[in-house]
C-alpha atoms as a PDB file:
ATOM      1  CA  MET A   1      21.062  60.052  56.283  1.00  0.00           C
ATOM      2  CA  SER A   2      23.510  62.008  54.027  1.00  0.00           C
ATOM      3  CA  ILE A   3      27.054  63.022  54.390  1.00  0.00           C
ATOM      4  CA  VAL A   4      27.804  66.633  52.997  1.00  0.00           C
ATOM      5  CA  GLN A   5      30.536  69.138  53.099  1.00  0.00           C
ATOM      6  CA  SER A   6      30.427  71.650  55.807  1.00  0.00           C
ATOM      7  CA  SER A   7      31.286  75.296  55.125  1.00  0.00           C
ATOM      8  CA  ARG A   8      34.974  74.635  56.085  1.00  0.00           C
ATOM      9  CA  GLY A   9      35.276  71.638  53.725  1.00  0.00           C
ATOM     10  CA  LYS A  10      34.844  68.930  56.334  1.00  0.00           C
ATOM     11  CA  ASP A  11      32.324  65.870  56.317  1.00  0.00           C
ATOM     12  CA  LYS A  12      29.236  66.507  57.905  1.00  0.00           C
ATOM     13  CA  LEU A  13      26.813  63.721  58.817  1.00  0.00           C
ATOM     14  CA  LEU A  14      23.134  64.779  58.833  1.00  0.00           C
ATOM     15  CA  LEU A  15      21.097  61.913  60.742  1.00  0.00           C
ATOM     16  CA  ASN A  16      17.632  62.033  62.404  1.00  0.00           C
ATOM     17  CA  GLY A  17      17.558  65.514  62.831  1.00  0.00           C
ATOM     18  CA  PHE A  18      21.209  65.930  64.454  1.00  0.00           C
ATOM     19  CA  ALA A  19      24.396  67.026  62.508  1.00  0.00           C
ATOM     20  CA  TYR A  20      27.488  65.228  63.328  1.00  0.00           C
ATOM     21  CA  ARG A  21      31.255  65.730  62.434  1.00  0.00           C
ATOM     22  CA  ARG A  22      34.130  63.360  62.424  1.00  0.00           C
ATOM     23  CA  THR A  23      35.909  62.552  65.680  1.00  0.00           C
ATOM     24  CA  ASN A  24      39.764  63.146  65.169  1.00  0.00           C
ATOM     25  CA  ASP A  25      39.794  62.093  61.533  1.00  0.00           C
ATOM     26  CA  SER A  26      38.051  58.872  62.546  1.00  0.00           C
ATOM     27  CA  GLN A  27      36.097  56.955  60.020  1.00  0.00           C
ATOM     28  CA  VAL A  28      33.780  55.327  62.474  1.00  0.00           C
ATOM     29  CA  ILE A  29      32.759  57.565  65.219  1.00  0.00           C
ATOM     30  CA  TRP A  30      31.052  60.934  64.605  1.00  0.00           C
ATOM     31  CA  ARG A  31      30.396  63.435  67.605  1.00  0.00           C
ATOM     32  CA  CYS A  32      27.498  66.064  67.626  1.00  0.00           C
ATOM     33  CA  SER A  33      28.509  69.431  65.726  1.00  0.00           C
ATOM     34  CA  GLN A  34      27.354  71.514  68.831  1.00  0.00           C
ATOM     35  CA  ASN A  35      30.363  71.889  71.004  1.00  0.00           C
ATOM     36  CA  PHE A  36      28.450  71.698  74.547  1.00  0.00           C
ATOM     37  CA  CYS A  37      26.858  68.345  73.338  1.00  0.00           C
ATOM     38  CA  ALA A  38      28.332  64.725  74.113  1.00  0.00           C
ATOM     39  CA  GLY A  39      26.153  63.077  71.405  1.00  0.00           C
ATOM     40  CA  ARG A  40      27.929  60.272  69.546  1.00  0.00           C
ATOM     41  CA  VAL A  41      27.173  57.720  66.813  1.00  0.00           C
ATOM     42  CA  LYS A  42      29.198  54.747  65.530  1.00  0.00           C
ATOM     43  CA  PHE A  43      29.167  53.471  62.045  1.00  0.00           C
ATOM     44  CA  GLU A  44      29.515  49.529  61.942  1.00  0.00           C
ATOM     45  CA  ASN A  45      27.963  46.962  59.765  1.00  0.00           C
ATOM     46  CA  ASN A  46      26.383  49.751  57.385  1.00  0.00           C
ATOM     47  CA  ASP A  47      24.514  50.958  60.227  1.00  0.00           C
ATOM     48  CA  TYR A  48      24.778  54.004  62.791  1.00  0.00           C
ATOM     49  CA  THR A  49      24.308  53.387  66.338  1.00  0.00           C
ATOM     50  CA  THR A  50      24.034  55.763  69.167  1.00  0.00           C
ATOM     51  CA  ILE A  51      27.008  55.790  71.734  1.00  0.00           C
ATOM     52  CA  THR A  52      26.010  58.639  73.886  1.00  0.00           C
ATOM     53  CA  LYS A  53      22.622  60.782  73.824  1.00  0.00           C
ATOM     54  CA  HIS A  54      22.316  64.219  72.953  1.00  0.00           C
ATOM     55  CA  VAL A  55      21.554  67.041  75.436  1.00  0.00           C
ATOM     56  CA  HIS A  56      19.573  69.222  73.025  1.00  0.00           C
ATOM     57  CA  PRO A  57      16.423  68.298  70.968  1.00  0.00           C
ATOM     58  CA  PRO A  58      16.808  67.497  67.300  1.00  0.00           C
ATOM     59  CA  ASN A  59      16.726  70.306  64.639  1.00  0.00           C
ATOM     60  CA  PRO A  60      15.737  68.960  61.304  1.00  0.00           C
ATOM     61  CA  ASP A  61      15.226  72.480  59.828  1.00  0.00           C
ATOM     62  CA  GLU A  62      19.121  73.042  60.167  1.00  0.00           C
ATOM     63  CA  ASN A  63      19.823  69.762  58.519  1.00  0.00           C
ATOM     64  CA  ILE A  64      17.481  70.799  55.596  1.00  0.00           C
ATOM     65  CA  SER A  65      19.275  74.277  55.298  1.00  0.00           C
ATOM     66  CA  THR A  66      22.731  72.549  55.573  1.00  0.00           C
ATOM     67  CA  LEU A  67      21.796  70.109  52.740  1.00  0.00           C
ATOM     68  CA  PHE A  68      20.553  72.964  50.574  1.00  0.00           C
ATOM     69  CA  LYS A  69      23.659  74.983  50.953  1.00  0.00           C
ATOM     70  CA  SER A  70      25.747  72.160  50.300  1.00  0.00           C
ATOM     71  CA  GLU A  71      23.982  71.309  47.127  1.00  0.00           C
ATOM     72  CA  ILE A  72      24.174  74.836  45.917  1.00  0.00           C
ATOM     73  CA  SER A  73      27.782  75.240  46.786  1.00  0.00           C
ATOM     74  CA  THR A  74      28.742  71.876  44.802  1.00  0.00           C
ATOM     75  CA  LYS A  75      26.675  73.182  41.698  1.00  0.00           C
ATOM     76  CA  ALA A  76      28.294  76.631  42.002  1.00  0.00           C
ATOM     77  CA  ILE A  77      31.717  75.144  41.661  1.00  0.00           C
ATOM     78  CA  LEU A  78      30.986  72.564  39.038  1.00  0.00           C
ATOM     79  CA  SER A  79      28.825  74.395  36.670  1.00  0.00           C
ATOM     80  CA  HIS A  80      28.800  77.846  34.990  1.00  0.00           C
ATOM     81  CA  ASP A  81      25.105  78.111  35.169  1.00  0.00           C
ATOM     82  CA  PRO A  82      23.684  81.537  36.537  1.00  0.00           C
ATOM     83  CA  PRO A  83      22.914  81.541  40.196  1.00  0.00           C
ATOM     84  CA  ARG A  84      19.185  81.782  39.501  1.00  0.00           C
ATOM     85  CA  ARG A  85      19.046  78.332  37.752  1.00  0.00           C
ATOM     86  CA  ILE A  86      21.183  76.659  40.300  1.00  0.00           C
ATOM     87  CA  ILE A  87      18.905  77.687  43.088  1.00  0.00           C
ATOM     88  CA  HIS A  88      15.801  76.888  40.977  1.00  0.00           C
ATOM     89  CA  GLU A  89      17.025  73.275  40.161  1.00  0.00           C
ATOM     90  CA  THR A  90      17.907  72.877  43.760  1.00  0.00           C
ATOM     91  CA  LEU A  91      14.524  74.071  44.936  1.00  0.00           C
ATOM     92  CA  LEU A  92      13.078  71.532  42.616  1.00  0.00           C
ATOM     93  CA  ASN A  93      14.605  68.578  44.365  1.00  0.00           C
ATOM     94  CA  THR A  94      13.451  69.931  47.719  1.00  0.00           C
ATOM     95  CA  ASP A  95      10.355  68.622  49.284  1.00  0.00           C
ATOM     96  CA  GLN A  96       7.647  71.730  49.512  1.00  0.00           C
ATOM     97  CA  ALA A  97       6.921  71.079  53.238  1.00  0.00           C
ATOM     98  CA  ASP A  98      10.662  71.835  54.016  1.00  0.00           C
ATOM     99  CA  SER A  99      10.240  75.375  52.428  1.00  0.00           C
ATOM    100  CA  ALA A 100      10.308  77.170  55.625  1.00  0.00           C
ATOM    101  CA  ALA A 101      13.682  75.945  56.579  1.00  0.00           C
ATOM    102  CA  ILE A 102      15.429  76.817  53.170  1.00  0.00           C
ATOM    103  CA  PRO A 103      17.698  79.944  53.164  1.00  0.00           C
ATOM    104  CA  THR A 104      16.506  83.008  51.290  1.00  0.00           C
ATOM    105  CA  TYR A 105      17.286  83.607  47.758  1.00  0.00           C
ATOM    106  CA  TYR A 106      19.473  86.651  48.275  1.00  0.00           C
ATOM    107  CA  SER A 107      21.709  84.450  50.919  1.00  0.00           C
ATOM    108  CA  SER A 108      21.565  81.562  48.449  1.00  0.00           C
ATOM    109  CA  GLN A 109      22.676  83.805  45.596  1.00  0.00           C
ATOM    110  CA  ARG A 110      25.645  85.317  47.911  1.00  0.00           C
ATOM    111  CA  THR A 111      26.946  81.859  48.758  1.00  0.00           C
ATOM    112  CA  ILE A 112      27.129  80.890  45.035  1.00  0.00           C
ATOM    113  CA  GLN A 113      29.033  84.174  44.285  1.00  0.00           C
ATOM    114  CA  ARG A 114      31.525  83.502  47.080  1.00  0.00           C
ATOM    115  CA  LYS A 115      32.152  80.104  46.052  1.00  0.00           C
ATOM    116  CA  ARG A 116      32.896  81.308  42.677  1.00  0.00           C
ATOM    117  CA  ARG A 117      35.085  83.967  43.609  1.00  0.00           C
ATOM    118  CA  ILE A 118      37.330  81.627  45.502  1.00  0.00           C
ATOM    119  CA  LYS A 119      37.357  79.280  42.675  1.00  0.00           C
ATOM    120  CA  TYR A 120      38.373  82.198  40.106  1.00  0.00           C
ATOM    121  CA  GLU A 121      41.065  83.475  42.739  1.00  0.00           C
ATOM    122  CA  LEU A 122      42.544  79.913  42.786  1.00  0.00           C
ATOM    123  CA  MET A 123      42.501  79.759  39.074  1.00  0.00           C
ATOM    124  CA  GLU A 124      44.124  83.295  38.773  1.00  0.00           C
ATOM    125  CA  GLU A 125      46.995  82.062  41.355  1.00  0.00           C
ATOM    126  CA  LYS A 126      47.579  78.929  39.152  1.00  0.00           C
ATOM    127  CA  LEU A 127      47.572  81.081  35.940  1.00  0.00           C
ATOM    128  CA  GLN A 128      50.289  83.520  37.357  1.00  0.00           C
ATOM    129  CA  GLN A 129      52.494  80.645  38.275  1.00  0.00           C
ATOM    130  CA  PHE A 130      52.173  79.185  34.791  1.00  0.00           C
ATOM    131  CA  VAL A 131      52.730  82.441  33.134  1.00  0.00           C
ATOM    132  CA  SER A 132      55.918  83.158  35.181  1.00  0.00           C
ATOM    133  CA  VAL A 133      57.213  79.621  34.668  1.00  0.00           C
ATOM    134  CA  TYR A 134      56.966  79.751  30.744  1.00  0.00           C
ATOM    135  CA  TYR A 135      57.516  83.540  30.112  1.00  0.00           C
ATOM    136  CA  LEU A 136      54.085  83.931  28.196  1.00  0.00           C
ATOM    137  CA  THR A 137      51.957  86.995  27.449  1.00  0.00           C
ATOM    138  CA  PRO A 138      51.733  89.482  30.492  1.00  0.00           C
ATOM    139  CA  ILE A 139      49.126  88.375  33.123  1.00  0.00           C
ATOM    140  CA  ASP A 140      47.165  91.435  32.860  1.00  0.00           C
ATOM    141  CA  VAL A 141      46.153  90.494  29.429  1.00  0.00           C
ATOM    142  CA  TYR A 142      44.729  87.189  30.828  1.00  0.00           C
ATOM    143  CA  LEU A 143      43.159  88.951  33.711  1.00  0.00           C
ATOM    144  CA  LYS A 144      41.248  91.458  31.568  1.00  0.00           C
ATOM    145  CA  ARG A 145      39.899  88.587  29.291  1.00  0.00           C
ATOM    146  CA  ALA A 146      38.988  86.534  32.460  1.00  0.00           C
ATOM    147  CA  GLY A 147      37.191  89.385  34.322  1.00  0.00           C
ATOM    148  CA  ALA A 148      35.235  90.030  31.025  1.00  0.00           C
ATOM    149  CA  LEU A 149      34.155  86.594  30.820  1.00  0.00           C
ATOM    150  CA  PHE A 150      33.424  85.713  34.154  1.00  0.00           C
ATOM    151  CA  ASN A 151      32.467  89.218  35.640  1.00  0.00           C
ATOM    152  CA  PHE A 152      34.857  89.432  38.517  1.00  0.00           C
END
C-alpha cells in the first residue's frame, strides 16, 4: 500500500494491485481509477476495507510503473542530479522481479526532462515578476545565465 502523486498532481492509492483516486476530495473513501469500475475502498481505523468490488482483475504491473514514475518525478524536481543517476538510484530501490513492469530508460529520461522544464518555466515566471517589481537588470541577462546553467 502506498499513496503517490498522479501525473496530474492528485493523490493516488496503490493497494493490492488496484489504483484508486479520492472520491470528491474525501479523506476516507477512494474509488477505482478506471472510469468504468465501481470498486471502492474506505479508510477507517488505520485499515482499508472494501466497499464495492471491482469489475476487472488487478494489475500490479501498472502499480509498479506508477510508483516508479512517481519516484523519478519527485527526485527530478527536488534534486539537480543528472537523469542517469536518478533513474539508476530508483532502479536500485526496485525489486528485480518487477523489472518487466518498469518503463524504458528513454521514457523515464523524458519524464525527468518534462518535470524539470515545468519547474524552470515557473522559476522564469517568478523571476520576471521579481525583476519587473524591483526594476533590476533586464530579464534577458538572467535568462541567458539560467539557460547556460540548466541547459534549457
